């Protein structure tokens, strides 16, 4: 197998993710021009994407950020980036009447509070950090002229005699450097108040690089060349003696040099988006596959192809239908299983072809595949729709009408169905523009085809078990889709897609997932106690345990991105089918 080891904490930290989310949400609202106080993050690729969405970075002029003139009350939005600003600059902005969106990282805010408190008590502030870095400039403003920035033990020696000292660090500073300078501070200023203000994310990244270096032959650090925390990661790796490559994009990879190593570690700075990390990983894996054993190359390509083409997902739909049929005490038949499988395959392929933008950021490998083979996949999807309709038609008029109806809804999901004009603009012109529609519509479509179609094909009668099966399959797919929403939230926001986590928030969505899992389990137990379903309901409780396990693995960053993620998550449908098979025959 292609051997690339990705650090768990690679990519956006909490503060950067928060600032990005706030900026993208403001861009989606389209309530006047949007500016950021300097570059939002130190990553040129992200800044280019933001610029395309109408978000401009204010430029520095003679050491000062030039502020825009508001054209009306609160008509111009100014986003304070995660680095924060000085209180003096905050007052200057207030005086302009701009609509301020404060995206200062909470960790930076904590450091600001420490400096402010001790400055009032007569302490001088010493900051371990880069003097010209935006965060340090903002922190020095809270010291009210009694602050000093140093970046080495040598610079500490140049400080004047100070009375009471408060020592803090830039939140992305090197942990080892902070420890050594802290010891020297205590020697020179015995009564100094010392606060390790390096954020947990930075600490974990640096610890991970040290650990990763012991297990790999080379390390690739992905991130902007202007990002201080990214440069520090590369420096830590290089100082250990591990061959280190600092790149901004996959185009900068030295593949010839990397081909000398069989196991490559990948990490990334706090301002590096996931899609850049994924592109780097895919590029390294592609190089390793070309140089590895042929059978490994074939296995990996086949596994990736099954996921990219949605064949694996279609197999999952067949398995979930089989489980639903047994829940309803119906005789399993090949027609219902194949109909749901062909329908799910065709709709996912067609909608992917109509909506490739988010894949550019969420799954670049899949996007490249559909850009290359899109026409052929479209024809296969059309044939699949025809097969699903034919199979349903052979079962009767009602199954045919049902598949025809949900196929029509699936086809118009990405089309403009609500008219809009310059005089009467509409924010929601397509079904996909409705907040949370992707997760909800996909779940309902799966529920219909896996749970309502089989009884229609067996005499057209619905029973209480049908309701239990429909709730189970719909909720089961909803849980799967919500995890994809969590994973793809940045890419979805970049293309203006409002998923459930962006509408109700991360924490509320997590609560919704827990509640729904409990309700699905209660639904199965209740249906069994009432005598609507057989003991298969108890067997299927294990499938909910499977869902809980992959959520836990994702939250713990054990289950990462890529095709392994999709095999694990979409495999829950196959697991449900396997449980149903075991129950029936054993």
Protein backbone atom coordinates (compact mmCIF):
# COMPACT_ATOMS: atom_id res chain seq x y z
CA UNK A 1 0.00 0.00 0.00
CA UNK A 2 1.11 3.56 -0.66
CA UNK A 3 2.62 4.66 2.64
CA UNK A 4 1.83 8.22 3.67
CA UNK A 5 1.28 9.05 7.32
CA UNK A 6 -0.79 12.19 7.96
CA UNK A 7 -0.48 14.00 11.28
CA UNK A 8 -3.80 14.10 13.16
CA UNK A 9 -3.66 17.85 13.77
CA UNK A 10 -2.61 18.93 10.28
CA UNK A 11 -4.52 21.87 8.84
CA UNK A 12 -6.72 24.64 10.18
CA UNK A 13 -6.55 25.25 13.90
CA UNK A 14 -9.65 26.28 15.83
CA UNK A 15 -8.92 30.01 15.56
CA UNK A 16 -8.28 29.97 11.82
CA UNK A 17 -11.29 27.73 11.14
CA UNK A 18 -13.46 30.07 13.19
CA UNK A 19 -12.21 33.13 11.30
CA UNK A 20 -12.72 31.38 7.95
CA UNK A 21 -16.25 30.31 8.87
CA UNK A 22 -17.19 33.82 9.98
CA UNK A 23 -15.77 35.30 6.78
CA UNK A 24 -17.46 32.81 4.47
CA UNK A 25 -20.78 33.20 6.26
CA UNK A 26 -20.52 36.97 5.85
CA UNK A 27 -19.74 36.48 2.15
CA UNK A 28 -22.82 34.27 1.74
CA UNK A 29 -25.07 36.93 3.31
CA UNK A 30 -23.90 39.49 0.72
CA UNK A 31 -24.72 42.45 2.97
CA UNK A 32 -22.28 44.99 1.58
CA UNK A 33 -18.53 44.94 0.77
CA UNK A 34 -16.32 42.75 2.96
CA UNK A 35 -12.74 43.58 3.93
CA UNK A 36 -10.32 41.81 6.23
CA UNK A 37 -7.88 43.72 8.42
CA UNK A 38 -4.81 42.55 6.52
CA UNK A 39 -4.57 39.03 5.05
CA UNK A 40 -7.06 36.82 6.89
CA UNK A 41 -4.52 33.97 7.10
CA UNK A 42 -1.01 33.39 5.83
CA UNK A 43 -1.95 31.22 2.88
CA UNK A 44 -1.97 32.70 -0.65
CA UNK A 45 -4.20 29.97 -2.11
CA UNK A 46 -6.95 30.60 0.44
CA UNK A 47 -6.66 34.37 -0.02
CA UNK A 48 -7.13 33.91 -3.76
CA UNK A 49 -10.32 31.89 -3.16
CA UNK A 50 -11.64 34.55 -0.77
CA UNK A 51 -10.90 37.27 -3.28
CA UNK A 52 -13.03 35.41 -5.81
CA UNK A 53 -15.89 35.55 -3.31
CA UNK A 54 -15.60 39.32 -2.96
CA UNK A 55 -13.50 39.39 0.24
CA UNK A 56 -10.68 41.94 -0.05
CA UNK A 57 -7.62 42.25 2.21
CA UNK A 58 -6.81 45.78 3.33
CA UNK A 59 -3.27 46.83 2.48
CA UNK A 60 -0.71 48.36 4.77
CA UNK A 61 0.38 51.89 3.90
CA UNK A 62 3.45 53.31 5.67
CA UNK A 63 3.09 50.87 8.54
CA UNK A 64 -0.64 51.44 8.94
CA UNK A 65 -3.70 49.65 7.57
CA UNK A 66 -5.75 51.99 5.40
CA UNK A 67 -9.43 51.74 6.35
CA UNK A 68 -12.27 52.02 3.81
CA UNK A 69 -14.85 54.79 4.00
CA UNK A 70 -18.36 53.50 4.82
CA UNK A 71 -20.88 54.40 2.12
CA UNK A 72 -23.78 54.13 4.55
CA UNK A 73 -24.57 53.01 8.05
CA UNK A 74 -22.98 49.60 8.60
CA UNK A 75 -22.75 49.11 4.82
CA UNK A 76 -19.06 48.12 4.84
CA UNK A 77 -17.97 45.03 6.80
CA UNK A 78 -14.50 44.77 8.32
CA UNK A 79 -13.33 41.41 9.68
CA UNK A 80 -10.72 41.42 12.41
CA UNK A 81 -8.58 38.37 11.67
CA UNK A 82 -7.62 35.68 14.18
CA UNK A 83 -4.36 37.49 15.06
CA UNK A 84 -6.30 40.29 16.74
CA UNK A 85 -5.46 44.01 16.86
CA UNK A 86 -4.38 46.58 19.44
CA UNK A 87 -6.98 48.49 21.51
CA UNK A 88 -5.80 51.72 19.88
CA UNK A 89 -6.48 50.33 16.42
CA UNK A 90 -9.84 48.97 17.57
CA UNK A 91 -10.84 52.50 18.63
CA UNK A 92 -9.71 53.92 15.29
CA UNK A 93 -11.94 51.42 13.50
CA UNK A 94 -14.91 52.21 15.76
CA UNK A 95 -14.54 55.90 14.91
CA UNK A 96 -15.02 55.17 11.19
CA UNK A 97 -18.46 53.62 11.73
CA UNK A 98 -17.54 50.36 9.98
CA UNK A 99 -19.51 47.20 10.73
CA UNK A 100 -16.92 45.15 12.63
CA UNK A 101 -16.89 41.33 12.67
CA UNK A 102 -14.45 40.27 15.39
CA UNK A 103 -12.81 36.96 14.46
CA UNK A 104 -9.96 37.26 16.97
CA UNK A 105 -8.91 33.80 18.11
CA UNK A 106 -10.11 33.14 21.70
CA UNK A 107 -6.58 32.00 22.60
CA UNK A 108 -5.17 35.34 21.41
CA UNK A 109 -7.94 37.10 23.34
CA UNK A 110 -6.77 35.31 26.49
CA UNK A 111 -3.22 36.63 26.02
CA UNK A 112 -4.57 40.13 25.43
CA UNK A 113 -6.46 39.87 28.71
CA UNK A 114 -3.35 38.76 30.63
CA UNK A 115 -1.28 41.67 29.31
CA UNK A 116 -4.06 44.18 29.97
CA UNK A 117 -4.50 42.99 33.58
CA UNK A 118 -0.83 43.08 34.48
CA UNK A 119 -0.18 46.36 32.67
CA UNK A 120 -2.74 47.98 34.99
CA UNK A 121 -0.71 46.59 37.93
CA UNK A 122 2.45 48.29 36.68
CA UNK A 123 4.11 45.30 35.00
CA UNK A 124 6.25 45.56 31.88
CA UNK A 125 5.37 42.93 29.28
CA UNK A 126 7.88 40.72 27.50
CA UNK A 127 6.51 38.75 24.54
CA UNK A 128 8.30 35.80 22.98
CA UNK A 129 7.42 36.22 19.33
CA UNK A 130 8.19 37.78 15.97
CA UNK A 131 8.21 41.55 16.38
CA UNK A 132 6.66 42.18 12.97
CA UNK A 133 3.96 39.50 13.26
CA UNK A 134 0.36 40.80 13.31
CA UNK A 135 -0.45 38.99 16.56
CA UNK A 136 2.57 40.40 18.39
CA UNK A 137 1.89 43.93 17.11
CA UNK A 138 -1.64 43.68 18.48
CA UNK A 139 -0.45 42.28 21.84
CA UNK A 140 2.10 45.07 22.30
CA UNK A 141 -0.75 47.56 22.02
CA UNK A 142 -2.18 46.19 25.29
CA UNK A 143 1.14 46.89 27.07
CA UNK A 144 0.58 50.65 26.58
CA UNK A 145 4.17 51.40 25.63
CA UNK A 146 5.72 49.10 28.24
CA UNK A 147 6.09 46.04 26.05
CA UNK A 148 9.05 44.27 24.45
CA UNK A 149 9.15 41.53 21.82
CA UNK A 150 12.05 39.09 21.74
CA UNK A 151 12.62 35.99 19.63
CA UNK A 152 15.75 34.42 21.14
CA UNK A 153 17.93 34.18 24.23
CA UNK A 154 20.31 36.65 22.63
CA UNK A 155 17.55 39.24 22.30
CA UNK A 156 16.63 38.71 25.96
CA UNK A 157 20.07 39.94 26.93
CA UNK A 158 19.42 43.26 25.18
CA UNK A 159 16.40 44.13 27.36
CA UNK A 160 16.81 47.07 29.75
CA UNK A 161 16.46 46.72 33.50
CA UNK A 162 12.80 46.20 34.26
CA UNK A 163 10.87 46.12 37.50
CA UNK A 164 7.90 43.80 37.52
CA UNK A 165 7.76 41.60 34.41
CA UNK A 166 4.91 39.68 32.77
CA UNK A 167 6.23 37.11 30.28
CA UNK A 168 3.92 35.63 27.60
CA UNK A 169 4.35 34.01 24.19
CA UNK A 170 2.92 34.42 20.73
CA UNK A 171 0.32 31.64 20.55
CA UNK A 172 2.16 29.82 17.74
CA UNK A 173 5.66 29.98 19.22
CA UNK A 174 8.12 27.11 19.56
CA UNK A 175 7.52 25.21 22.81
CA UNK A 176 11.19 24.37 23.47
CA UNK A 177 12.28 27.94 22.84
CA UNK A 178 9.64 29.17 25.29
CA UNK A 179 10.94 26.80 27.99
CA UNK A 180 14.55 27.89 27.58
CA UNK A 181 13.69 31.62 27.51
CA UNK A 182 11.37 31.18 30.53
CA UNK A 183 14.27 29.78 32.55
CA UNK A 184 16.46 32.70 31.54
CA UNK A 185 13.65 35.17 32.40
CA UNK A 186 13.37 33.68 35.89
CA UNK A 187 17.10 34.08 36.43
CA UNK A 188 17.17 37.72 35.27
CA UNK A 189 13.76 38.72 36.68
CA UNK A 190 13.18 36.40 39.69
CA UNK A 191 9.69 37.78 40.45
CA UNK A 192 8.48 37.59 36.84
CA UNK A 193 4.97 36.32 36.17
CA UNK A 194 5.31 33.65 33.46
CA UNK A 195 2.40 32.41 31.35
CA UNK A 196 2.74 29.71 28.74
CA UNK A 197 0.26 31.12 26.23
CA UNK A 198 1.21 28.82 23.36
CA UNK A 199 -2.13 27.37 22.28
CA UNK A 200 -2.89 23.66 22.60
CA UNK A 201 -3.13 23.25 18.83
CA UNK A 202 0.39 24.58 18.32
CA UNK A 203 1.70 22.40 21.13
CA UNK A 204 0.07 19.28 19.66
CA UNK A 205 1.41 19.99 16.17
CA UNK A 206 4.95 20.40 17.42
CA UNK A 207 4.73 17.27 19.55
CA UNK A 208 3.32 15.39 16.56
CA UNK A 209 6.20 16.46 14.32
CA UNK A 210 8.67 15.15 16.91
CA UNK A 211 6.76 11.85 17.15
CA UNK A 212 6.23 11.58 13.40
CA UNK A 213 9.93 12.09 12.77
CA UNK A 214 10.70 8.91 14.72
CA UNK A 215 8.43 6.79 12.47
CA UNK A 216 8.93 8.11 8.93
CA UNK A 217 11.82 8.55 6.53
CA UNK A 218 10.91 12.06 5.36
CA UNK A 219 8.39 14.77 6.25
CA UNK A 220 6.43 17.10 3.98
CA UNK A 221 5.16 20.28 5.64
CA UNK A 222 2.30 21.91 3.74
CA UNK A 223 1.55 25.61 4.18
CA UNK A 224 2.25 29.19 3.19
CA UNK A 225 5.87 30.29 3.12
CA UNK A 226 4.77 33.40 5.01
CA UNK A 227 3.20 31.39 7.85
CA UNK A 228 5.35 31.51 10.97
CA UNK A 229 3.86 28.40 12.61
CA UNK A 230 4.32 26.41 9.38
CA UNK A 231 7.97 27.47 9.11
CA UNK A 232 8.50 26.42 12.72
CA UNK A 233 7.11 22.95 12.01
CA UNK A 234 9.53 22.58 9.11
CA UNK A 235 12.38 23.87 11.29
CA UNK A 236 11.62 21.41 14.11
CA UNK A 237 11.56 18.53 11.64
CA UNK A 238 14.77 19.59 9.90
CA UNK A 239 16.65 20.11 13.20
CA UNK A 240 15.93 16.51 14.18
CA UNK A 241 17.73 15.42 11.02
CA UNK A 242 14.73 14.17 9.05
CA UNK A 243 14.67 15.15 5.35
CA UNK A 244 12.05 17.91 5.29
CA UNK A 245 10.16 19.48 2.39
CA UNK A 246 8.17 22.68 2.94
CA UNK A 247 5.69 23.20 0.09
CA UNK A 248 2.67 25.41 -0.49
CA UNK A 249 1.02 23.15 -3.09
CA UNK A 250 1.53 19.73 -4.67
CA UNK A 251 3.21 21.43 -7.64
CA UNK A 252 6.26 22.19 -5.48
CA UNK A 253 6.84 18.56 -4.48
CA UNK A 254 10.21 17.11 -5.42
CA UNK A 255 8.79 13.74 -6.49
CA UNK A 256 12.15 12.45 -7.68
CA UNK A 257 13.66 13.03 -4.26
CA UNK A 258 10.58 11.77 -2.39
CA UNK A 259 10.64 8.54 -4.42
CA UNK A 260 13.71 7.54 -2.40
CA UNK A 261 11.56 7.15 0.72
CA UNK A 262 9.04 4.37 1.34
CA UNK A 263 7.26 6.06 4.27
CA UNK A 264 6.56 9.80 4.14
CA UNK A 265 4.97 11.85 6.92
CA UNK A 266 2.75 14.83 6.10
CA UNK A 267 1.81 17.68 8.39
CA UNK A 268 0.54 21.20 7.80
CA UNK A 269 0.42 24.61 9.39
CA UNK A 270 -2.59 26.10 11.16
CA UNK A 271 -3.51 28.17 8.10
CA UNK A 272 -3.43 25.33 5.57
CA UNK A 273 -6.82 24.22 4.18
CA UNK A 274 -7.64 20.54 3.94
CA UNK A 275 -7.93 20.49 0.15
CA UNK A 276 -4.27 21.50 -0.27
CA UNK A 277 -3.22 18.76 2.16
CA UNK A 278 -5.32 16.19 0.26
CA UNK A 279 -3.79 17.18 -3.07
CA UNK A 280 -0.29 16.77 -1.66
CA UNK A 281 -1.14 13.35 -0.20
CA UNK A 282 -2.76 12.14 -3.42
CA UNK A 283 0.25 13.29 -5.44
CA UNK A 284 2.69 11.44 -3.17
CA UNK A 285 0.52 8.30 -3.19
CA UNK A 286 0.25 8.38 -6.97
CA UNK A 287 4.04 8.54 -7.20
CA UNK A 288 4.42 5.65 -4.74
CA UNK A 289 1.88 3.52 -6.61
CA UNK A 290 3.80 3.93 -9.85
CA UNK A 291 6.97 2.71 -8.16
CA UNK A 292 5.35 0.01 -5.98
CA UNK A 293 4.28 -3.60 -6.69
CA UNK A 294 1.75 -3.93 -9.50
CA UNK A 295 -0.81 -5.86 -7.42
CA UNK A 296 -0.85 -3.11 -4.76
CA UNK A 297 -1.43 -0.52 -7.46
CA UNK A 298 -4.34 -2.55 -8.85
CA UNK A 299 -5.95 -3.04 -5.41
CA UNK A 300 -5.70 0.65 -4.52
CA UNK A 301 -6.99 1.81 -7.87
CA UNK A 302 -9.91 -0.61 -7.75
CA UNK A 303 -10.82 0.44 -4.21
CA UNK A 304 -10.68 4.11 -5.15
CA UNK A 305 -12.69 3.52 -8.32
CA UNK A 306 -15.50 1.77 -6.43
CA UNK A 307 -15.83 4.78 -4.14
CA UNK A 308 -15.39 7.52 -6.77
CA UNK A 309 -17.97 5.99 -9.12
CA UNK A 310 -20.48 5.37 -6.29
CA UNK A 311 -20.57 1.65 -7.06
CA UNK A 312 -19.68 0.96 -3.43
CA UNK A 313 -22.48 3.27 -2.27
CA UNK A 314 -24.94 1.54 -4.64
CA UNK A 315 -23.98 -1.81 -3.10
CA UNK A 316 -24.68 -0.24 0.30
CA UNK A 317 -28.16 0.79 -0.89
CA UNK A 318 -28.84 -2.80 -1.93
CA UNK A 319 -27.78 -4.06 1.51
CA UNK A 320 -29.89 -1.48 3.34
CA UNK A 321 -32.90 -2.43 1.20
CA UNK A 322 -32.38 -6.08 2.09
CA UNK A 323 -32.37 -5.19 5.81
CA UNK A 324 -35.49 -3.04 5.38
CA UNK A 325 -37.33 -5.87 3.59
CA UNK A 326 -36.65 -8.24 6.49
CA UNK A 327 -37.71 -5.61 9.05
CA UNK A 328 -41.09 -5.49 7.27
CA UNK A 329 -41.36 -9.32 7.23
CA UNK A 330 -41.41 -9.33 3.43
CA UNK A 331 -39.90 -12.02 1.25
CA UNK A 332 -36.57 -10.75 -0.11
CA UNK A 333 -36.69 -10.23 -3.86
CA UNK A 334 -33.93 -9.27 -6.26
CA UNK A 335 -36.04 -6.65 -8.05
CA UNK A 336 -36.40 -4.25 -5.09
CA UNK A 337 -32.75 -4.60 -4.16
CA UNK A 338 -31.56 -3.88 -7.71
CA UNK A 339 -34.00 -1.01 -8.20
CA UNK A 340 -32.75 0.85 -5.13
CA UNK A 341 -29.15 0.13 -6.07
CA UNK A 342 -29.46 1.46 -9.65
CA UNK A 343 -31.47 4.48 -8.47
CA UNK A 344 -28.95 5.50 -5.78
CA UNK A 345 -26.05 5.04 -8.19
CA UNK A 346 -27.61 7.15 -10.95
CA UNK A 347 -28.79 10.01 -8.73
CA UNK A 348 -25.46 10.39 -6.93
CA UNK A 349 -23.55 10.40 -10.22
CA UNK A 350 -25.89 12.88 -11.92
CA UNK A 351 -25.91 15.27 -8.98
CA UNK A 352 -22.14 15.05 -8.70
CA UNK A 353 -21.81 16.00 -12.37
CA UNK A 354 -24.14 18.96 -11.83
CA UNK A 355 -22.36 20.11 -8.68
CA UNK A 356 -18.60 19.64 -8.98
CA UNK A 357 -17.58 22.88 -7.26
CA UNK A 358 -17.50 21.63 -3.67
CA UNK A 359 -15.47 18.56 -4.68
CA UNK A 360 -12.71 20.94 -5.76
CA UNK A 361 -12.12 21.56 -2.06
CA UNK A 362 -13.54 18.45 -0.40
CA UNK A 363 -12.37 15.61 -2.67
CA UNK A 364 -10.05 16.84 -5.42
CA UNK A 365 -9.38 13.27 -6.62
CA UNK A 366 -13.08 12.69 -7.32
CA UNK A 367 -13.35 16.07 -9.07
CA UNK A 368 -10.49 15.23 -11.41
CA UNK A 369 -12.09 11.86 -12.23
CA UNK A 370 -15.42 13.42 -13.18
CA UNK A 371 -13.77 16.16 -15.20
CA UNK A 372 -11.99 13.46 -17.22
CA UNK A 373 -14.72 10.82 -17.47
CA UNK A 374 -17.85 12.86 -16.85
CA UNK A 375 -19.49 12.21 -20.21
CA UNK A 376 -19.11 8.44 -19.93
CA UNK A 377 -20.37 8.44 -16.34
CA UNK A 378 -23.40 10.48 -17.41
CA UNK A 379 -24.38 7.88 -20.00
CA UNK A 380 -23.94 5.07 -17.47
CA UNK A 381 -26.12 6.99 -15.00
CA UNK A 382 -28.85 7.50 -17.64
CA UNK A 383 -28.85 3.77 -18.42
CA UNK A 384 -29.06 3.05 -14.66
CA UNK A 385 -32.11 5.31 -14.32
CA UNK A 386 -33.70 3.43 -17.20
CA UNK A 387 -33.01 0.07 -15.54
CA UNK A 388 -34.45 1.28 -12.21
CA UNK A 389 -37.63 2.52 -13.93
CA UNK A 390 -37.97 -0.69 -15.94
CA UNK A 391 -37.59 -2.91 -12.88
CA UNK A 392 -40.12 -0.79 -10.97
CA UNK A 393 -42.52 -0.90 -13.93
CA UNK A 394 -42.38 -4.69 -13.99
CA UNK A 395 -43.55 -4.65 -10.36
CA UNK A 396 -46.59 -2.48 -11.11
CA UNK A 397 -47.88 1.02 -11.74
CA UNK A 398 -47.38 2.33 -8.20
CA UNK A 399 -43.70 1.28 -7.89
CA UNK A 400 -43.07 2.82 -11.32
CA UNK A 401 -44.76 6.11 -10.40
CA UNK A 402 -42.85 6.27 -7.13
CA UNK A 403 -39.43 5.83 -8.78
CA UNK A 404 -40.40 8.25 -11.56
CA UNK A 405 -41.42 10.91 -9.00
CA UNK A 406 -38.28 10.74 -6.87
CA UNK A 407 -36.11 10.54 -10.00
CA UNK A 408 -37.71 13.76 -11.23
CA UNK A 409 -37.04 15.45 -7.90
CA UNK A 410 -33.45 14.24 -7.99
CA UNK A 411 -32.90 15.60 -11.49
CA UNK A 412 -34.23 19.08 -10.68
CA UNK A 413 -32.33 19.35 -7.38
CA UNK A 414 -29.55 21.43 -8.97
CA UNK A 415 -31.72 23.26 -11.53
CA UNK A 416 -33.04 26.82 -11.09
CA UNK A 417 -36.74 26.34 -10.35
CA UNK A 418 -37.42 29.63 -8.59
CA UNK A 419 -37.09 32.62 -10.97
CA UNK A 420 -34.83 35.51 -10.07
CA UNK A 421 -34.15 38.89 -11.65
CA UNK A 422 -32.16 42.04 -10.80
CA UNK A 423 -35.39 43.67 -9.61
CA UNK A 424 -36.55 40.72 -7.53
CA UNK A 425 -33.44 38.77 -6.57
CA UNK A 426 -33.90 35.42 -4.83
CA UNK A 427 -31.30 33.89 -2.56
CA UNK A 428 -32.79 30.42 -2.98
CA UNK A 429 -33.23 29.68 -6.68
CA UNK A 430 -32.63 25.91 -6.57
CA UNK A 431 -33.63 23.16 -4.17
CA UNK A 432 -29.97 22.70 -3.29
CA UNK A 433 -29.84 26.35 -2.10
CA UNK A 434 -32.26 25.58 0.74
CA UNK A 435 -30.20 25.31 3.96
CA UNK A 436 -29.59 21.69 4.94
CA UNK A 437 -31.44 20.40 1.87
CA UNK A 438 -28.66 18.08 0.72
CA UNK A 439 -28.67 15.96 3.86
CA UNK A 440 -32.45 15.98 4.24
CA UNK A 441 -33.36 15.22 0.61
CA UNK A 442 -30.75 12.49 0.24
CA UNK A 443 -31.97 10.80 3.42
CA UNK A 444 -35.63 10.95 2.40
CA UNK A 445 -34.88 9.64 -1.10
CA UNK A 446 -32.99 6.68 0.36
CA UNK A 447 -35.81 6.06 2.85
CA UNK A 448 -38.40 6.00 0.07
CA UNK A 449 -36.50 3.67 -2.25
CA UNK A 450 -35.28 1.27 0.45
CA UNK A 451 -38.41 1.10 2.64
CA UNK A 452 -41.52 2.23 0.72
CA UNK A 453 -40.76 0.64 -2.64
CA UNK A 454 -40.59 -3.01 -1.40
CA UNK A 455 -44.12 -3.11 0.10
CA UNK A 456 -45.50 -1.40 -3.01
CA UNK A 457 -43.99 -4.25 -4.99
CA UNK A 458 -45.59 -6.80 -2.61
CA UNK A 459 -49.25 -5.93 -2.92
CA UNK A 460 -49.08 -2.21 -2.15
CA UNK A 461 -49.97 -2.44 1.55
CA UNK A 462 -48.13 -0.54 4.28
CA UNK A 463 -47.86 -1.87 7.85
CA UNK A 464 -46.57 -0.42 11.15
CA UNK A 465 -43.31 -2.22 10.36
CA UNK A 466 -43.06 -0.09 7.20
CA UNK A 467 -43.04 3.08 9.30
CA UNK A 468 -40.37 1.60 11.58
CA UNK A 469 -38.25 0.58 8.57
CA UNK A 470 -38.66 3.99 6.90
CA UNK A 471 -37.62 5.86 10.05
CA UNK A 472 -34.64 3.55 10.53
CA UNK A 473 -33.29 3.76 6.95
CA UNK A 474 -33.93 7.51 6.59
CA UNK A 475 -32.29 8.27 9.93
CA UNK A 476 -29.42 5.89 9.21
CA UNK A 477 -28.59 7.71 5.98
CA UNK A 478 -29.07 11.08 7.71
CA UNK A 479 -26.38 10.17 10.26
CA UNK A 480 -24.01 9.19 7.45
CA UNK A 481 -24.68 12.38 5.50
CA UNK A 482 -24.23 14.58 8.57
CA UNK A 483 -20.73 13.21 9.12
CA UNK A 484 -19.91 14.14 5.52
CA UNK A 485 -21.25 17.62 6.30
CA UNK A 486 -18.83 17.86 9.23
CA UNK A 487 -15.92 16.71 7.08
CA UNK A 488 -16.75 18.91 4.10
CA UNK A 489 -17.87 22.04 5.94
CA UNK A 490 -15.02 24.25 4.68
CA UNK A 491 -15.48 23.23 1.05
CA UNK A 492 -19.25 23.64 1.32
CA UNK A 493 -18.88 27.13 2.76
CA UNK A 494 -16.43 28.09 0.03
CA UNK A 495 -19.02 27.35 -2.64
CA UNK A 496 -21.88 28.85 -0.63
CA UNK A 497 -23.57 25.59 0.36
CA UNK A 498 -25.47 25.83 3.65
CA UNK A 499 -25.40 22.41 5.30
CA UNK A 500 -26.91 21.51 8.67
CA UNK A 501 -23.72 22.28 10.71
CA UNK A 502 -23.48 25.75 9.10
CA UNK A 503 -27.15 26.48 9.79
CA UNK A 504 -27.55 25.28 13.39
CA UNK A 505 -23.89 25.17 14.43
CA UNK A 506 -21.40 22.42 15.20
CA UNK A 507 -22.45 21.80 18.80
CA UNK A 508 -26.17 21.70 18.00
CA UNK A 509 -25.48 19.29 15.13
CA UNK A 510 -23.48 17.03 17.43
CA UNK A 511 -26.42 17.04 19.84
CA UNK A 512 -28.78 16.25 16.97
CA UNK A 513 -26.63 13.26 15.95
CA UNK A 514 -26.67 11.86 19.50
CA UNK A 515 -30.42 12.40 19.84
CA UNK A 516 -31.18 10.82 16.47
CA UNK A 517 -29.02 7.78 17.24
CA UNK A 518 -30.93 7.26 20.48
CA UNK A 519 -34.27 7.71 18.70
CA UNK A 520 -33.32 5.20 15.99
CA UNK A 521 -32.41 2.65 18.66
CA UNK A 522 -35.65 3.39 20.51
CA UNK A 523 -37.59 3.00 17.26
CA UNK A 524 -36.22 -0.52 16.72
CA UNK A 525 -36.77 -1.59 20.32
CA UNK A 526 -40.31 -0.15 20.40
CA UNK A 527 -41.25 -1.86 17.12
CA UNK A 528 -39.95 -5.17 18.50
CA UNK A 529 -41.79 -4.82 21.83
CA UNK A 530 -45.02 -3.97 20.00
CA UNK A 531 -44.62 -7.10 17.89
CA UNK A 532 -44.41 -5.18 14.60
CA UNK A 533 -40.99 -6.59 13.76
CA UNK A 534 -39.05 -9.70 14.67
CA UNK A 535 -35.77 -10.01 16.56
CA UNK A 536 -33.91 -8.58 13.55
CA UNK A 537 -34.54 -5.19 15.18
CA UNK A 538 -32.27 -6.19 18.07
CA UNK A 539 -29.61 -7.37 15.63
CA UNK A 540 -29.71 -4.04 13.82
CA UNK A 541 -28.93 -2.16 17.04
CA UNK A 542 -25.35 -3.24 16.31
CA UNK A 543 -25.44 -1.14 13.14
CA UNK A 544 -26.09 1.95 15.28
CA UNK A 545 -23.13 0.97 17.42
CA UNK A 546 -21.12 0.87 14.17
CA UNK A 547 -22.27 4.43 13.38
CA UNK A 548 -21.34 5.60 16.88
CA UNK A 549 -17.90 4.01 16.44
CA UNK A 550 -17.06 5.84 13.21
CA UNK A 551 -18.25 9.13 14.69
CA UNK A 552 -15.99 8.50 17.67
CA UNK A 553 -13.05 7.60 15.43
CA UNK A 554 -13.60 10.77 13.40
CA UNK A 555 -13.86 12.97 16.50
CA UNK A 556 -10.61 11.46 17.83
CA UNK A 557 -8.96 12.13 14.43
CA UNK A 558 -8.23 8.42 14.04
CA UNK A 559 -10.47 8.18 11.01
CA UNK A 560 -9.11 10.75 8.58
CA UNK A 561 -10.02 11.78 5.09
CA UNK A 562 -9.76 10.10 1.72
CA UNK A 563 -11.12 6.81 0.45
CA UNK A 564 -10.55 4.93 3.70
CA UNK A 565 -13.01 7.36 5.32
CA UNK A 566 -15.67 6.58 2.71
CA UNK A 567 -15.08 2.84 2.91
CA UNK A 568 -15.53 2.98 6.67
CA UNK A 569 -18.58 5.28 6.73
CA UNK A 570 -20.46 3.90 3.71
CA UNK A 571 -19.56 0.43 4.90
CA UNK A 572 -22.21 0.91 7.61
CA UNK A 573 -24.86 0.05 5.00
CA UNK A 574 -23.08 -3.16 4.10
CA UNK A 575 -22.77 -3.96 7.80
CA UNK A 576 -26.54 -3.54 8.26
CA UNK A 577 -27.11 -5.89 5.33
CA UNK A 578 -24.64 -8.39 6.78
CA UNK A 579 -26.46 -8.32 10.13
CA UNK A 580 -29.76 -8.97 8.33
CA UNK A 581 -28.19 -11.89 6.40
CA UNK A 582 -26.78 -13.43 9.59
CA UNK A 583 -30.14 -13.08 11.35
CA UNK A 584 -32.01 -14.75 8.50
CA UNK A 585 -29.75 -17.73 7.98
CA UNK A 586 -28.20 -18.29 11.38
